[in-house]
Amino acid sequence: MLFVAMLFMSIVTFFFLTILVSYFFILERNMKKTIWVSLLMTFIFILSLFIPQFSYQYLF
């Protein structure tokens, strides 16, 4: 249960950090694009966490 909580908090933290970076430095304060970019980056972050686990489990 502790691992799930730590994983959830890392995902939430990463999401808010990408919102801050996108809002202030990349997308020039366009909130709709900022949220979409942050969701996309968070989805890629989640995939990068789980793809190695599944690939090692099922491929090797």
N, C-alpha and C. Protein backbone atom coordinates (compact mmCIF):
# COMPACT_ATOMS: atom_id res chain seq x y z
N MET A 1 0.82 -1.20 0.00
CA MET A 1 0.00 0.00 0.00
C MET A 1 0.86 1.26 0.00
N LEU A 2 1.99 1.19 0.70
CA LEU A 2 2.89 2.34 0.72
C LEU A 2 3.46 2.62 -0.67
N PHE A 3 3.77 1.54 -1.40
CA PHE A 3 4.29 1.72 -2.76
C PHE A 3 3.26 2.40 -3.65
N VAL A 4 2.00 2.02 -3.52
CA VAL A 4 0.94 2.63 -4.34
C VAL A 4 0.80 4.11 -4.00
N ALA A 5 0.88 4.44 -2.72
CA ALA A 5 0.78 5.84 -2.31
C ALA A 5 1.97 6.65 -2.84
N MET A 6 3.16 6.08 -2.78
CA MET A 6 4.33 6.79 -3.29
C MET A 6 4.26 6.95 -4.81
N LEU A 7 3.77 5.94 -5.50
CA LEU A 7 3.61 6.02 -6.94
C LEU A 7 2.59 7.08 -7.32
N PHE A 8 1.47 7.11 -6.61
CA PHE A 8 0.44 8.10 -6.88
C PHE A 8 0.96 9.51 -6.63
N MET A 9 1.68 9.71 -5.53
CA MET A 9 2.20 11.04 -5.23
C MET A 9 3.26 11.46 -6.24
N SER A 10 4.06 10.54 -6.73
CA SER A 10 5.05 10.91 -7.74
C SER A 10 4.36 11.31 -9.04
N ILE A 11 3.28 10.63 -9.40
CA ILE A 11 2.54 10.98 -10.61
C ILE A 11 1.88 12.34 -10.45
N VAL A 12 1.26 12.59 -9.31
CA VAL A 12 0.61 13.89 -9.07
C VAL A 12 1.65 15.01 -9.06
N THR A 13 2.78 14.77 -8.40
CA THR A 13 3.83 15.78 -8.35
C THR A 13 4.36 16.07 -9.75
N PHE A 14 4.59 15.03 -10.53
CA PHE A 14 5.07 15.22 -11.90
C PHE A 14 4.05 16.01 -12.72
N PHE A 15 2.76 15.72 -12.55
CA PHE A 15 1.73 16.44 -13.29
C PHE A 15 1.75 17.93 -12.97
N PHE A 16 1.83 18.27 -11.68
CA PHE A 16 1.83 19.69 -11.32
C PHE A 16 3.12 20.39 -11.73
N LEU A 17 4.23 19.68 -11.68
CA LEU A 17 5.48 20.28 -12.16
C LEU A 17 5.43 20.56 -13.66
N THR A 18 4.86 19.64 -14.42
CA THR A 18 4.75 19.88 -15.86
C THR A 18 3.78 21.02 -16.15
N ILE A 19 2.74 21.17 -15.34
CA ILE A 19 1.84 22.32 -15.51
C ILE A 19 2.60 23.62 -15.28
N LEU A 20 3.38 23.68 -14.21
CA LEU A 20 4.13 24.90 -13.92
C LEU A 20 5.13 25.22 -15.02
N VAL A 21 5.88 24.22 -15.45
CA VAL A 21 6.90 24.46 -16.48
C VAL A 21 6.25 24.86 -17.80
N SER A 22 5.20 24.17 -18.18
CA SER A 22 4.53 24.49 -19.44
C SER A 22 3.89 25.87 -19.38
N TYR A 23 3.30 26.21 -18.27
CA TYR A 23 2.58 27.48 -18.16
C TYR A 23 3.53 28.66 -18.21
N PHE A 24 4.64 28.58 -17.49
CA PHE A 24 5.50 29.74 -17.37
C PHE A 24 6.59 29.82 -18.43
N PHE A 25 7.02 28.69 -18.99
CA PHE A 25 8.18 28.74 -19.86
C PHE A 25 7.91 28.34 -21.30
N ILE A 26 6.92 27.51 -21.56
CA ILE A 26 6.78 26.95 -22.90
C ILE A 26 5.59 27.56 -23.65
N LEU A 27 4.42 27.51 -23.06
CA LEU A 27 3.21 27.80 -23.83
C LEU A 27 2.67 29.21 -23.64
N GLU A 28 3.43 30.06 -23.02
CA GLU A 28 3.10 31.48 -22.89
C GLU A 28 1.70 31.70 -22.31
N ARG A 29 1.45 31.04 -21.24
CA ARG A 29 0.25 31.23 -20.42
C ARG A 29 -1.06 30.91 -21.15
N ASN A 30 -1.05 29.86 -21.95
CA ASN A 30 -2.27 29.35 -22.55
C ASN A 30 -2.69 28.13 -21.74
N MET A 31 -3.73 28.28 -20.93
CA MET A 31 -4.06 27.26 -19.93
C MET A 31 -4.57 25.96 -20.54
N LYS A 32 -5.35 26.05 -21.62
CA LYS A 32 -5.90 24.83 -22.21
C LYS A 32 -4.78 23.96 -22.79
N LYS A 33 -3.86 24.57 -23.52
CA LYS A 33 -2.73 23.81 -24.05
C LYS A 33 -1.85 23.28 -22.93
N THR A 34 -1.71 24.06 -21.88
CA THR A 34 -0.88 23.65 -20.75
C THR A 34 -1.40 22.37 -20.12
N ILE A 35 -2.71 22.29 -19.92
CA ILE A 35 -3.29 21.10 -19.29
C ILE A 35 -3.14 19.89 -20.22
N TRP A 36 -3.35 20.08 -21.52
CA TRP A 36 -3.21 18.95 -22.44
C TRP A 36 -1.77 18.45 -22.51
N VAL A 37 -0.83 19.38 -22.55
CA VAL A 37 0.58 18.97 -22.58
C VAL A 37 0.96 18.27 -21.29
N SER A 38 0.47 18.76 -20.17
CA SER A 38 0.78 18.13 -18.88
C SER A 38 0.18 16.74 -18.78
N LEU A 39 -1.04 16.56 -19.27
CA LEU A 39 -1.64 15.23 -19.28
C LEU A 39 -0.86 14.28 -20.18
N LEU A 40 -0.44 14.76 -21.33
CA LEU A 40 0.34 13.92 -22.23
C LEU A 40 1.68 13.52 -21.60
N MET A 41 2.36 14.47 -20.98
CA MET A 41 3.64 14.17 -20.35
C MET A 41 3.47 13.23 -19.16
N THR A 42 2.38 13.39 -18.42
CA THR A 42 2.12 12.49 -17.30
C THR A 42 1.81 11.08 -17.80
N PHE A 43 1.07 10.97 -18.88
CA PHE A 43 0.78 9.66 -19.47
C PHE A 43 2.07 8.98 -19.94
N ILE A 44 2.95 9.75 -20.56
CA ILE A 44 4.24 9.20 -20.98
C ILE A 44 5.07 8.77 -19.78
N PHE A 45 5.00 9.56 -18.70
CA PHE A 45 5.71 9.21 -17.47
C PHE A 45 5.18 7.89 -16.89
N ILE A 46 3.87 7.72 -16.87
CA ILE A 46 3.27 6.48 -16.35
C ILE A 46 3.68 5.29 -17.23
N LEU A 47 3.64 5.49 -18.55
CA LEU A 47 4.06 4.41 -19.44
C LEU A 47 5.52 4.05 -19.23
N SER A 48 6.36 5.04 -19.01
CA SER A 48 7.78 4.75 -18.80
C SER A 48 8.02 4.02 -17.49
N LEU A 49 7.09 4.14 -16.55
CA LEU A 49 7.21 3.38 -15.31
C LEU A 49 6.81 1.92 -15.50
N PHE A 50 5.77 1.67 -16.29
CA PHE A 50 5.20 0.33 -16.35
C PHE A 50 5.66 -0.51 -17.54
N ILE A 51 6.09 0.10 -18.62
CA ILE A 51 6.52 -0.68 -19.79
C ILE A 51 7.72 -1.58 -19.48
N PRO A 52 8.76 -1.11 -18.78
CA PRO A 52 9.86 -2.04 -18.47
C PRO A 52 9.42 -3.23 -17.62
N GLN A 53 8.52 -3.00 -16.69
CA GLN A 53 8.05 -4.09 -15.84
C GLN A 53 7.34 -5.15 -16.68
N PHE A 54 6.43 -4.74 -17.55
CA PHE A 54 5.71 -5.70 -18.37
C PHE A 54 6.61 -6.36 -19.40
N SER A 55 7.54 -5.59 -19.96
CA SER A 55 8.42 -6.19 -20.96
C SER A 55 9.33 -7.23 -20.34
N TYR A 56 9.86 -6.97 -19.15
CA TYR A 56 10.71 -7.97 -18.50
C TYR A 56 9.89 -9.18 -18.05
N GLN A 57 8.65 -8.94 -17.67
CA GLN A 57 7.83 -10.04 -17.18
C GLN A 57 7.39 -10.97 -18.31
N TYR A 58 7.02 -10.40 -19.46
CA TYR A 58 6.44 -11.22 -20.52
C TYR A 58 7.41 -11.56 -21.65
N LEU A 59 8.44 -10.75 -21.85
CA LEU A 59 9.34 -11.01 -22.97
C LEU A 59 10.56 -11.82 -22.58
N PHE A 60 11.03 -11.67 -21.34
CA PHE A 60 12.26 -12.36 -20.95
C PHE A 60 11.97 -13.42 -19.91
